[in-house]
Amino acid sequence: MEDLLRPIYQERASQWNTQGILMIEKKNPISPNTDKFDVILFMIVREQEVPLFVKHYELQDKKAALYIASEEQLAEWITIGTNRRVIDWIINGKVLFDRNEFIHLLRGKLLDFPLEDRKLKIGIEFSKLIRRYLEGKDFFDSKHYLDAYNHIVHSLHHLARLAVIDHGFHPELTVWSQVKKIEPEIYKLYEELIAGDEPIDKRLELLFLASEFLIYSRTKTGAKHLLEAMAEKEESWSYHELLHHSELSKYSVDLSVLVGYLVEKGYIEVEQIETKGKGVYHRKYKVVE
C-alpha cells in the first residue's frame, strides 16, 4: 500500500513546510477511525492558507484520503479535543517522513501528557460537563425526559474524559473501556443509565443526584486552570477580559456557565462597579482567597 501512495506524498515530503507524514490503515471493515477509507495519509505542515486540506483518492481497488493540517490546527484538535482520532493517528500511525524528529517529539509529548496541558484540557472538559449537566437538569425539571437523557449521557462522557485526563492519559475513542479500569464508579453510573430496568424518569433522578456529587467533588480540579489564570492579577476581571485571555478563550461559549457555577459554589466572587446609570452596575469577577 505504501508503494501505491508514494507518488502522492513524496513530492510534499521534500517541501520545507512539511513537518511529518503518517500512514494509518483501516483496522476492520467498518472503521470510523479512517472514515471507512482503506488508508489515511496524515500530513502536518508548519502553515497553510486553510487550517485543513483534504483530498480523496482511488488506487486500484482501494480508497485513500489525504489530510494536510497546519500545526495550529493540530494544536487546537489536541487541546480542545474536537478531533480525538488524531491522537490515535499520531501515536499509532506509521511514520513515512519525520523532519527533525517532529513526530517523534510530538508522540513523546502526547504520551508524557505534561501537567500544564492536562490542566487546560481538564478545564475545558469540566466547563462542557457543567453546561450539559445544567441543561439536562433544566429539561428534567420540565419533564422533557428524552432531552434530559440526551444531555446526561453527554455530561457523563465529559465526566469520563475528565477522569481519564486527570489520571494522565488522553481520552481515546473507546473512552468507556478506559474509564471501566480507571474510574469504575463513573462506568457504573453510565451502565445504570443506559441499561437500567427502571422508568426513564427514575433513572434520571438517581443519575442527577449522583452526578451532582461527582461534579462537585471534582470542582477544585476542574476549575484549577481558570482560577490560576484569574490569579495572574490582583484586580477583578470583566467577563470580556476573561473571554479574550489567551488561554481562557479556548473555553469558548462554555466559559460563561463555568464562571457562573464557580460563583455559585463560592470559588469566585462578584464585584459590582458603578455605572452612570442609577442602580446599574458592571459585574466583575475575582478569585476568592
C-alpha atoms as a PDB file:
ATOM      1  CA  MET A   1       0.000   0.000   0.000  1.00  0.00           C
ATOM      2  CA  GLU A   2       2.830   2.351   0.856  1.00  0.00           C
ATOM      3  CA  ASP A   3       4.299   1.945  -2.656  1.00  0.00           C
ATOM      4  CA  LEU A   4       0.980   2.983  -4.221  1.00  0.00           C
ATOM      5  CA  LEU A   5       0.801   6.063  -2.021  1.00  0.00           C
ATOM      6  CA  ARG A   6       4.389   7.164  -2.536  1.00  0.00           C
ATOM      7  CA  PRO A   7       3.668   9.404  -5.572  1.00  0.00           C
ATOM      8  CA  ILE A   8       1.043  11.259  -3.510  1.00  0.00           C
ATOM      9  CA  TYR A   9       3.285  12.177  -0.587  1.00  0.00           C
ATOM     10  CA  GLN A  10       6.855  12.043  -1.964  1.00  0.00           C
ATOM     11  CA  GLU A  11       6.837  15.494  -3.569  1.00  0.00           C
ATOM     12  CA  ARG A  12       5.295  17.101  -0.485  1.00  0.00           C
ATOM     13  CA  ALA A  13       7.868  15.431   1.789  1.00  0.00           C
ATOM     14  CA  SER A  14      10.620  17.438   0.102  1.00  0.00           C
ATOM     15  CA  GLN A  15       8.929  20.784   0.766  1.00  0.00           C
ATOM     16  CA  TRP A  16      10.325  22.937   3.610  1.00  0.00           C
ATOM     17  CA  ASN A  17       6.841  23.407   5.045  1.00  0.00           C
ATOM     18  CA  THR A  18       6.223  19.704   5.710  1.00  0.00           C
ATOM     19  CA  GLN A  19       6.946  18.563   9.262  1.00  0.00           C
ATOM     20  CA  GLY A  20       5.829  14.938   9.138  1.00  0.00           C
ATOM     21  CA  ILE A  21       3.740  12.367   7.284  1.00  0.00           C
ATOM     22  CA  LEU A  22       1.910   9.392   8.807  1.00  0.00           C
ATOM     23  CA  MET A  23       0.030   6.465   7.285  1.00  0.00           C
ATOM     24  CA  ILE A  24      -2.986   4.999   9.095  1.00  0.00           C
ATOM     25  CA  GLU A  25      -4.507   1.804   7.673  1.00  0.00           C
ATOM     26  CA  LYS A  26      -8.055   0.576   8.245  1.00  0.00           C
ATOM     27  CA  LYS A  27      -8.228  -1.927  11.110  1.00  0.00           C
ATOM     28  CA  ASN A  28     -11.631  -3.515  10.391  1.00  0.00           C
ATOM     29  CA  PRO A  29     -14.365  -3.418   7.696  1.00  0.00           C
ATOM     30  CA  ILE A  30     -16.293  -0.621   9.453  1.00  0.00           C
ATOM     31  CA  SER A  31     -13.560   1.690  10.662  1.00  0.00           C
ATOM     32  CA  PRO A  32     -14.656   5.166  11.833  1.00  0.00           C
ATOM     33  CA  ASN A  33     -11.036   5.882  12.702  1.00  0.00           C
ATOM     34  CA  THR A  34     -10.310   6.201   8.976  1.00  0.00           C
ATOM     35  CA  ASP A  35     -13.799   7.345   7.854  1.00  0.00           C
ATOM     36  CA  LYS A  36     -14.239   3.970   6.097  1.00  0.00           C
ATOM     37  CA  PHE A  37     -11.219   4.652   3.881  1.00  0.00           C
ATOM     38  CA  ASP A  38      -8.664   1.879   3.476  1.00  0.00           C
ATOM     39  CA  VAL A  39      -5.854   4.232   4.378  1.00  0.00           C
ATOM     40  CA  ILE A  40      -5.308   7.786   5.614  1.00  0.00           C
ATOM     41  CA  LEU A  41      -2.250   9.857   4.822  1.00  0.00           C
ATOM     42  CA  PHE A  42      -1.916  12.459   7.557  1.00  0.00           C
ATOM     43  CA  MET A  43       0.479  15.296   6.832  1.00  0.00           C
ATOM     44  CA  ILE A  44       1.432  18.063   9.266  1.00  0.00           C
ATOM     45  CA  VAL A  45       2.733  21.350   7.853  1.00  0.00           C
ATOM     46  CA  ARG A  46       4.015  24.476   9.548  1.00  0.00           C
ATOM     47  CA  GLU A  47       1.393  26.721   7.968  1.00  0.00           C
ATOM     48  CA  GLN A  48      -1.049  26.882   5.065  1.00  0.00           C
ATOM     49  CA  GLU A  49      -3.830  29.137   3.788  1.00  0.00           C
ATOM     50  CA  VAL A  50      -6.587  26.897   5.154  1.00  0.00           C
ATOM     51  CA  PRO A  51      -6.221  25.059   8.507  1.00  0.00           C
ATOM     52  CA  LEU A  52      -7.141  21.716   6.936  1.00  0.00           C
ATOM     53  CA  PHE A  53      -6.917  20.447   3.356  1.00  0.00           C
ATOM     54  CA  VAL A  54      -8.464  17.083   2.430  1.00  0.00           C
ATOM     55  CA  LYS A  55      -8.284  15.132  -0.824  1.00  0.00           C
ATOM     56  CA  HIS A  56      -9.778  11.713  -1.697  1.00  0.00           C
ATOM     57  CA  TYR A  57      -8.186   9.128  -4.000  1.00  0.00           C
ATOM     58  CA  GLU A  58      -8.915   5.757  -5.556  1.00  0.00           C
ATOM     59  CA  LEU A  59      -5.980   3.466  -6.353  1.00  0.00           C
ATOM     60  CA  GLN A  60      -6.592   0.013  -7.743  1.00  0.00           C
ATOM     61  CA  ASP A  61      -9.481  -1.256  -5.575  1.00  0.00           C
ATOM     62  CA  LYS A  62      -8.574   0.867  -2.525  1.00  0.00           C
ATOM     63  CA  LYS A  63      -9.800   4.218  -1.211  1.00  0.00           C
ATOM     64  CA  ALA A  64      -7.376   6.684   0.335  1.00  0.00           C
ATOM     65  CA  ALA A  65      -7.691  10.136   1.907  1.00  0.00           C
ATOM     66  CA  LEU A  66      -5.008  12.772   2.314  1.00  0.00           C
ATOM     67  CA  TYR A  67      -5.330  15.108   5.299  1.00  0.00           C
ATOM     68  CA  ILE A  68      -2.981  18.093   5.456  1.00  0.00           C
ATOM     69  CA  ALA A  69      -3.248  20.006   8.750  1.00  0.00           C
ATOM     70  CA  SER A  70      -1.357  23.067   9.917  1.00  0.00           C
ATOM     71  CA  GLU A  71       0.479  22.933  13.239  1.00  0.00           C
ATOM     72  CA  GLU A  72      -2.028  25.474  14.580  1.00  0.00           C
ATOM     73  CA  GLN A  73      -4.982  23.269  13.606  1.00  0.00           C
ATOM     74  CA  LEU A  74      -3.294  20.218  15.110  1.00  0.00           C
ATOM     75  CA  ALA A  75      -2.692  22.055  18.399  1.00  0.00           C
ATOM     76  CA  GLU A  76      -6.367  23.052  18.532  1.00  0.00           C
ATOM     77  CA  TRP A  77      -7.522  19.463  17.945  1.00  0.00           C
ATOM     78  CA  ILE A  78      -5.242  18.129  20.672  1.00  0.00           C
ATOM     79  CA  THR A  79      -6.112  20.856  23.199  1.00  0.00           C
ATOM     80  CA  ILE A  80      -9.862  21.139  22.727  1.00  0.00           C
ATOM     81  CA  GLY A  81     -10.494  17.529  21.742  1.00  0.00           C
ATOM     82  CA  THR A  82     -12.581  18.288  18.653  1.00  0.00           C
ATOM     83  CA  ASN A  83     -10.842  15.535  16.654  1.00  0.00           C
ATOM     84  CA  ARG A  84      -9.906  12.736  19.043  1.00  0.00           C
ATOM     85  CA  ARG A  85      -8.916  10.400  16.201  1.00  0.00           C
ATOM     86  CA  VAL A  86      -5.827  12.496  15.620  1.00  0.00           C
ATOM     87  CA  ILE A  87      -4.289  11.307  18.920  1.00  0.00           C
ATOM     88  CA  ASP A  88      -4.539   7.713  17.710  1.00  0.00           C
ATOM     89  CA  TRP A  89      -3.195   8.689  14.287  1.00  0.00           C
ATOM     90  CA  ILE A  90      -0.107  10.311  15.774  1.00  0.00           C
ATOM     91  CA  ILE A  91       0.640   7.622  18.354  1.00  0.00           C
ATOM     92  CA  ASN A  92      -0.141   4.526  16.257  1.00  0.00           C
ATOM     93  CA  GLY A  93       0.326   5.670  12.656  1.00  0.00           C
ATOM     94  CA  LYS A  94       3.288   4.511  10.574  1.00  0.00           C
ATOM     95  CA  VAL A  95       5.821   7.316  10.123  1.00  0.00           C
ATOM     96  CA  LEU A  96       6.650   7.885   6.447  1.00  0.00           C
ATOM     97  CA  PHE A  97       8.524  11.152   6.912  1.00  0.00           C
ATOM     98  CA  ASP A  98       9.739  12.963  10.023  1.00  0.00           C
ATOM     99  CA  ARG A  99      11.609  16.259   9.724  1.00  0.00           C
ATOM    100  CA  ASN A 100      13.960  16.905  12.644  1.00  0.00           C
ATOM    101  CA  GLU A 101      12.099  14.276  14.745  1.00  0.00           C
ATOM    102  CA  PHE A 102       8.956  16.421  14.783  1.00  0.00           C
ATOM    103  CA  ILE A 103       6.600  13.421  15.062  1.00  0.00           C
ATOM    104  CA  HIS A 104       8.901  11.586  17.466  1.00  0.00           C
ATOM    105  CA  LEU A 105       8.900  14.570  19.841  1.00  0.00           C
ATOM    106  CA  LEU A 106       5.149  15.099  19.408  1.00  0.00           C
ATOM    107  CA  ARG A 107       4.484  11.458  20.291  1.00  0.00           C
ATOM    108  CA  GLY A 108       6.643  11.802  23.379  1.00  0.00           C
ATOM    109  CA  LYS A 109       4.721  14.884  24.498  1.00  0.00           C
ATOM    110  CA  LEU A 110       1.363  13.166  23.971  1.00  0.00           C
ATOM    111  CA  LEU A 111       2.444  10.086  25.902  1.00  0.00           C
ATOM    112  CA  ASP A 112       4.008  12.115  28.727  1.00  0.00           C
ATOM    113  CA  PHE A 113       0.975  14.475  28.797  1.00  0.00           C
ATOM    114  CA  PRO A 114       2.590  17.348  30.765  1.00  0.00           C
ATOM    115  CA  LEU A 115       0.691  18.752  33.750  1.00  0.00           C
ATOM    116  CA  GLU A 116       0.119  22.177  32.150  1.00  0.00           C
ATOM    117  CA  ASP A 117      -1.523  20.571  29.099  1.00  0.00           C
ATOM    118  CA  ARG A 118      -3.645  18.382  31.354  1.00  0.00           C
ATOM    119  CA  LYS A 119      -4.894  21.325  33.425  1.00  0.00           C
ATOM    120  CA  LEU A 120      -6.161  23.118  30.325  1.00  0.00           C
ATOM    121  CA  LYS A 121      -7.890  20.039  28.909  1.00  0.00           C
ATOM    122  CA  ILE A 122      -9.453  19.249  32.299  1.00  0.00           C
ATOM    123  CA  GLY A 123     -10.759  22.811  32.493  1.00  0.00           C
ATOM    124  CA  ILE A 124     -12.314  22.618  29.035  1.00  0.00           C
ATOM    125  CA  GLU A 125     -13.931  19.228  29.732  1.00  0.00           C
ATOM    126  CA  PHE A 126     -15.209  20.469  33.097  1.00  0.00           C
ATOM    127  CA  SER A 127     -16.836  23.528  31.512  1.00  0.00           C
ATOM    128  CA  LYS A 128     -18.562  21.321  28.915  1.00  0.00           C
ATOM    129  CA  LEU A 129     -19.652  18.948  31.690  1.00  0.00           C
ATOM    130  CA  ILE A 130     -21.235  21.794  33.684  1.00  0.00           C
ATOM    131  CA  ARG A 131     -23.157  23.086  30.662  1.00  0.00           C
ATOM    132  CA  ARG A 132     -24.504  19.651  29.700  1.00  0.00           C
ATOM    133  CA  TYR A 133     -25.442  18.825  33.288  1.00  0.00           C
ATOM    134  CA  LEU A 134     -27.299  22.109  33.901  1.00  0.00           C
ATOM    135  CA  GLU A 135     -29.121  21.962  30.560  1.00  0.00           C
ATOM    136  CA  GLY A 136     -30.087  18.344  31.255  1.00  0.00           C
ATOM    137  CA  LYS A 137     -31.330  19.241  34.741  1.00  0.00           C
ATOM    138  CA  ASP A 138     -33.466  22.004  33.281  1.00  0.00           C
ATOM    139  CA  PHE A 139     -35.049  19.559  30.801  1.00  0.00           C
ATOM    140  CA  PHE A 140     -35.601  17.050  33.611  1.00  0.00           C
ATOM    141  CA  ASP A 141     -37.329  19.639  35.835  1.00  0.00           C
ATOM    142  CA  SER A 142     -39.559  20.497  32.853  1.00  0.00           C
ATOM    143  CA  LYS A 143     -40.364  16.769  32.432  1.00  0.00           C
ATOM    144  CA  HIS A 144     -38.729  16.602  28.972  1.00  0.00           C
ATOM    145  CA  TYR A 145     -37.153  13.272  29.870  1.00  0.00           C
ATOM    146  CA  LEU A 146     -35.733  12.230  26.486  1.00  0.00           C
ATOM    147  CA  ASP A 147     -33.956  15.584  26.087  1.00  0.00           C
ATOM    148  CA  ALA A 148     -32.701  15.278  29.662  1.00  0.00           C
ATOM    149  CA  TYR A 149     -31.463  11.744  28.873  1.00  0.00           C
ATOM    150  CA  ASN A 150     -29.512  13.018  25.856  1.00  0.00           C
ATOM    151  CA  HIS A 151     -27.804  15.713  27.920  1.00  0.00           C
ATOM    152  CA  ILE A 152     -26.955  13.483  30.876  1.00  0.00           C
ATOM    153  CA  VAL A 153     -25.357  10.934  28.501  1.00  0.00           C
ATOM    154  CA  HIS A 154     -23.182  13.721  27.089  1.00  0.00           C
ATOM    155  CA  SER A 155     -22.355  15.013  30.562  1.00  0.00           C
ATOM    156  CA  LEU A 156     -21.242  11.518  31.617  1.00  0.00           C
ATOM    157  CA  HIS A 157     -18.995  11.373  28.539  1.00  0.00           C
ATOM    158  CA  HIS A 158     -17.369  14.643  29.611  1.00  0.00           C
ATOM    159  CA  LEU A 159     -17.033  13.331  33.166  1.00  0.00           C
ATOM    160  CA  ALA A 160     -15.417  10.161  31.815  1.00  0.00           C
ATOM    161  CA  ARG A 161     -12.941  12.093  29.657  1.00  0.00           C
ATOM    162  CA  LEU A 162     -12.148  14.394  32.589  1.00  0.00           C
ATOM    163  CA  ALA A 163     -11.365  11.368  34.776  1.00  0.00           C
ATOM    164  CA  VAL A 164      -9.110   9.831  32.106  1.00  0.00           C
ATOM    165  CA  ILE A 165      -7.187  13.101  31.664  1.00  0.00           C
ATOM    166  CA  ASP A 166      -6.856  13.522  35.430  1.00  0.00           C
ATOM    167  CA  HIS A 167      -5.130  10.117  35.527  1.00  0.00           C
ATOM    168  CA  GLY A 168      -2.592  11.314  32.957  1.00  0.00           C
ATOM    169  CA  PHE A 169      -3.992   9.754  29.768  1.00  0.00           C
ATOM    170  CA  HIS A 170      -5.526  11.141  26.603  1.00  0.00           C
ATOM    171  CA  PRO A 171      -9.166  10.067  26.157  1.00  0.00           C
ATOM    172  CA  GLU A 172      -9.410   7.587  23.300  1.00  0.00           C
ATOM    173  CA  LEU A 173     -12.348   6.873  21.012  1.00  0.00           C
ATOM    174  CA  THR A 174     -13.071   3.877  23.271  1.00  0.00           C
ATOM    175  CA  VAL A 175     -13.188   6.088  26.359  1.00  0.00           C
ATOM    176  CA  TRP A 176     -15.527   3.791  28.305  1.00  0.00           C
ATOM    177  CA  SER A 177     -13.086   0.888  28.220  1.00  0.00           C
ATOM    178  CA  GLN A 178     -10.538   3.282  29.752  1.00  0.00           C
ATOM    179  CA  VAL A 179     -12.966   4.516  32.402  1.00  0.00           C
ATOM    180  CA  LYS A 180     -14.032   0.989  33.363  1.00  0.00           C
ATOM    181  CA  LYS A 181     -10.465   0.355  34.547  1.00  0.00           C
ATOM    182  CA  ILE A 182      -9.695   3.827  35.905  1.00  0.00           C
ATOM    183  CA  GLU A 183     -12.970   5.043  37.460  1.00  0.00           C
ATOM    184  CA  PRO A 184     -15.427   2.121  37.737  1.00  0.00           C
ATOM    185  CA  GLU A 185     -17.854   4.331  39.696  1.00  0.00           C
ATOM    186  CA  ILE A 186     -18.446   6.540  36.635  1.00  0.00           C
ATOM    187  CA  TYR A 187     -18.718   3.493  34.381  1.00  0.00           C
ATOM    188  CA  LYS A 188     -21.367   2.016  36.685  1.00  0.00           C
ATOM    189  CA  LEU A 189     -23.424   5.226  36.506  1.00  0.00           C
ATOM    190  CA  TYR A 190     -23.303   5.136  32.719  1.00  0.00           C
ATOM    191  CA  GLU A 191     -24.296   1.472  32.690  1.00  0.00           C
ATOM    192  CA  GLU A 192     -27.228   2.116  35.031  1.00  0.00           C
ATOM    193  CA  LEU A 193     -28.468   4.947  32.820  1.00  0.00           C
ATOM    194  CA  ILE A 194     -28.416   3.085  29.507  1.00  0.00           C
ATOM    195  CA  ALA A 195     -29.265  -0.442  30.712  1.00  0.00           C
ATOM    196  CA  GLY A 196     -31.325   0.071  33.871  1.00  0.00           C
ATOM    197  CA  ASP A 197     -34.778  -1.513  34.219  1.00  0.00           C
ATOM    198  CA  GLU A 198     -36.474   1.386  35.988  1.00  0.00           C
ATOM    199  CA  PRO A 199     -38.570   4.018  34.136  1.00  0.00           C
ATOM    200  CA  ILE A 200     -36.508   6.731  32.477  1.00  0.00           C
ATOM    201  CA  ASP A 201     -37.591   9.444  34.931  1.00  0.00           C
ATOM    202  CA  LYS A 202     -36.436   7.345  37.906  1.00  0.00           C
ATOM    203  CA  ARG A 203     -33.103   6.522  36.275  1.00  0.00           C
ATOM    204  CA  LEU A 204     -32.540  10.196  35.506  1.00  0.00           C
ATOM    205  CA  GLU A 205     -33.446  11.277  39.023  1.00  0.00           C
ATOM    206  CA  LEU A 206     -30.841   8.942  40.503  1.00  0.00           C
ATOM    207  CA  LEU A 207     -28.257   9.935  37.894  1.00  0.00           C
ATOM    208  CA  PHE A 208     -28.664  13.654  38.506  1.00  0.00           C
ATOM    209  CA  LEU A 209     -28.222  13.170  42.242  1.00  0.00           C
ATOM    210  CA  ALA A 210     -25.121  11.003  41.797  1.00  0.00           C
ATOM    211  CA  SER A 211     -23.697  13.262  39.073  1.00  0.00           C
ATOM    212  CA  GLU A 212     -24.136  16.374  41.203  1.00  0.00           C
ATOM    213  CA  PHE A 213     -21.950  14.824  43.897  1.00  0.00           C
ATOM    214  CA  LEU A 214     -19.303  13.634  41.406  1.00  0.00           C
ATOM    215  CA  ILE A 215     -19.196  17.028  39.681  1.00  0.00           C
ATOM    216  CA  TYR A 216     -18.880  18.921  42.964  1.00  0.00           C
ATOM    217  CA  SER A 217     -16.119  16.584  44.173  1.00  0.00           C
ATOM    218  CA  ARG A 218     -14.141  17.422  41.011  1.00  0.00           C
ATOM    219  CA  THR A 219     -14.724  21.172  41.082  1.00  0.00           C
ATOM    220  CA  LYS A 220     -11.350  22.049  42.595  1.00  0.00           C
ATOM    221  CA  THR A 221      -9.521  20.031  39.919  1.00  0.00           C
ATOM    222  CA  GLY A 222     -11.819  21.113  37.080  1.00  0.00           C
ATOM    223  CA  ALA A 223     -11.565  24.820  37.918  1.00  0.00           C
ATOM    224  CA  LYS A 224      -7.815  24.908  38.645  1.00  0.00           C
ATOM    225  CA  HIS A 225      -6.755  26.177  35.215  1.00  0.00           C
ATOM    226  CA  LEU A 226      -9.319  29.003  35.182  1.00  0.00           C
ATOM    227  CA  LEU A 227      -8.629  30.063  38.780  1.00  0.00           C
ATOM    228  CA  GLU A 228      -4.857  30.087  38.241  1.00  0.00           C
ATOM    229  CA  ALA A 229      -5.302  32.244  35.132  1.00  0.00           C
ATOM    230  CA  MET A 230      -7.509  34.665  37.090  1.00  0.00           C
ATOM    231  CA  ALA A 231      -4.931  34.849  39.889  1.00  0.00           C
ATOM    232  CA  GLU A 232      -2.423  36.361  37.445  1.00  0.00           C
ATOM    233  CA  LYS A 233      -3.579  39.813  38.563  1.00  0.00           C
ATOM    234  CA  GLU A 234      -4.931  41.131  41.861  1.00  0.00           C
ATOM    235  CA  GLU A 235      -7.665  43.232  40.274  1.00  0.00           C
ATOM    236  CA  SER A 236     -11.049  41.803  39.319  1.00  0.00           C
ATOM    237  CA  TRP A 237     -11.787  40.720  35.745  1.00  0.00           C
ATOM    238  CA  SER A 238     -14.554  41.798  33.407  1.00  0.00           C
ATOM    239  CA  TYR A 239     -16.092  38.912  31.501  1.00  0.00           C
ATOM    240  CA  HIS A 240     -14.766  40.432  28.264  1.00  0.00           C
ATOM    241  CA  GLU A 241     -11.216  40.238  29.651  1.00  0.00           C
ATOM    242  CA  LEU A 242     -11.691  36.598  30.636  1.00  0.00           C
ATOM    243  CA  LEU A 243     -13.172  35.670  27.277  1.00  0.00           C
ATOM    244  CA  HIS A 244     -10.227  37.159  25.380  1.00  0.00           C
ATOM    245  CA  HIS A 245      -7.468  35.850  27.665  1.00  0.00           C
ATOM    246  CA  SER A 246      -5.041  33.855  25.503  1.00  0.00           C
ATOM    247  CA  GLU A 247      -5.697  30.607  27.405  1.00  0.00           C
ATOM    248  CA  LEU A 248      -9.305  31.068  28.515  1.00  0.00           C
ATOM    249  CA  SER A 249     -10.555  31.875  25.004  1.00  0.00           C
ATOM    250  CA  LYS A 250     -10.254  28.130  24.329  1.00  0.00           C
ATOM    251  CA  TYR A 251     -13.254  27.552  26.630  1.00  0.00           C
ATOM    252  CA  SER A 252     -15.394  29.374  24.057  1.00  0.00           C
ATOM    253  CA  VAL A 253     -19.130  29.557  24.867  1.00  0.00           C
ATOM    254  CA  ASP A 254     -18.763  27.294  27.923  1.00  0.00           C
ATOM    255  CA  LEU A 255     -16.687  29.846  29.866  1.00  0.00           C
ATOM    256  CA  SER A 256     -19.754  31.832  30.957  1.00  0.00           C
ATOM    257  CA  VAL A 257     -21.552  28.871  32.507  1.00  0.00           C
ATOM    258  CA  LEU A 258     -18.356  27.756  34.279  1.00  0.00           C
ATOM    259  CA  VAL A 259     -17.808  31.210  35.795  1.00  0.00           C
ATOM    260  CA  GLY A 260     -21.445  31.267  36.934  1.00  0.00           C
ATOM    261  CA  TYR A 261     -21.105  27.813  38.513  1.00  0.00           C
ATOM    262  CA  LEU A 262     -17.929  28.816  40.377  1.00  0.00           C
ATOM    263  CA  VAL A 263     -19.625  31.967  41.674  1.00  0.00           C
ATOM    264  CA  GLU A 264     -22.479  29.802  42.963  1.00  0.00           C
ATOM    265  CA  LYS A 265     -20.055  27.380  44.648  1.00  0.00           C
ATOM    266  CA  GLY A 266     -18.006  30.155  46.287  1.00  0.00           C
ATOM    267  CA  TYR A 267     -14.770  29.870  44.268  1.00  0.00           C
ATOM    268  CA  ILE A 268     -15.250  33.224  42.523  1.00  0.00           C
ATOM    269  CA  GLU A 269     -16.751  36.401  43.985  1.00  0.00           C
ATOM    270  CA  VAL A 270     -18.625  39.137  42.119  1.00  0.00           C
ATOM    271  CA  GLU A 271     -17.661  42.797  42.413  1.00  0.00           C
ATOM    272  CA  GLN A 272     -20.185  45.455  41.446  1.00  0.00           C
ATOM    273  CA  ILE A 273     -18.730  48.524  39.734  1.00  0.00           C
ATOM    274  CA  GLU A 274     -20.937  51.586  39.428  1.00  0.00           C
ATOM    275  CA  THR A 275     -22.006  52.819  36.007  1.00  0.00           C
ATOM    276  CA  LYS A 276     -23.565  56.142  35.001  1.00  0.00           C
ATOM    277  CA  GLY A 277     -26.990  54.535  35.182  1.00  0.00           C
ATOM    278  CA  LYS A 278     -28.680  54.663  38.578  1.00  0.00           C
ATOM    279  CA  GLY A 279     -28.870  51.198  40.122  1.00  0.00           C
ATOM    280  CA  VAL A 280     -26.925  49.632  37.208  1.00  0.00           C
ATOM    281  CA  TYR A 281     -23.544  48.035  37.921  1.00  0.00           C
ATOM    282  CA  HIS A 282     -20.782  46.429  35.921  1.00  0.00           C
ATOM    283  CA  ARG A 283     -20.252  42.824  37.069  1.00  0.00           C
ATOM    284  CA  LYS A 284     -16.609  41.844  37.567  1.00  0.00           C
ATOM    285  CA  TYR A 285     -15.055  38.647  38.902  1.00  0.00           C
ATOM    286  CA  LYS A 286     -12.283  37.802  41.338  1.00  0.00           C
ATOM    287  CA  VAL A 287     -10.933  34.562  42.828  1.00  0.00           C
ATOM    288  CA  VAL A 288     -11.983  34.058  46.459  1.00  0.00           C
ATOM    289  CA  GLU A 289      -8.823  33.945  48.593  1.00  0.00           C
END
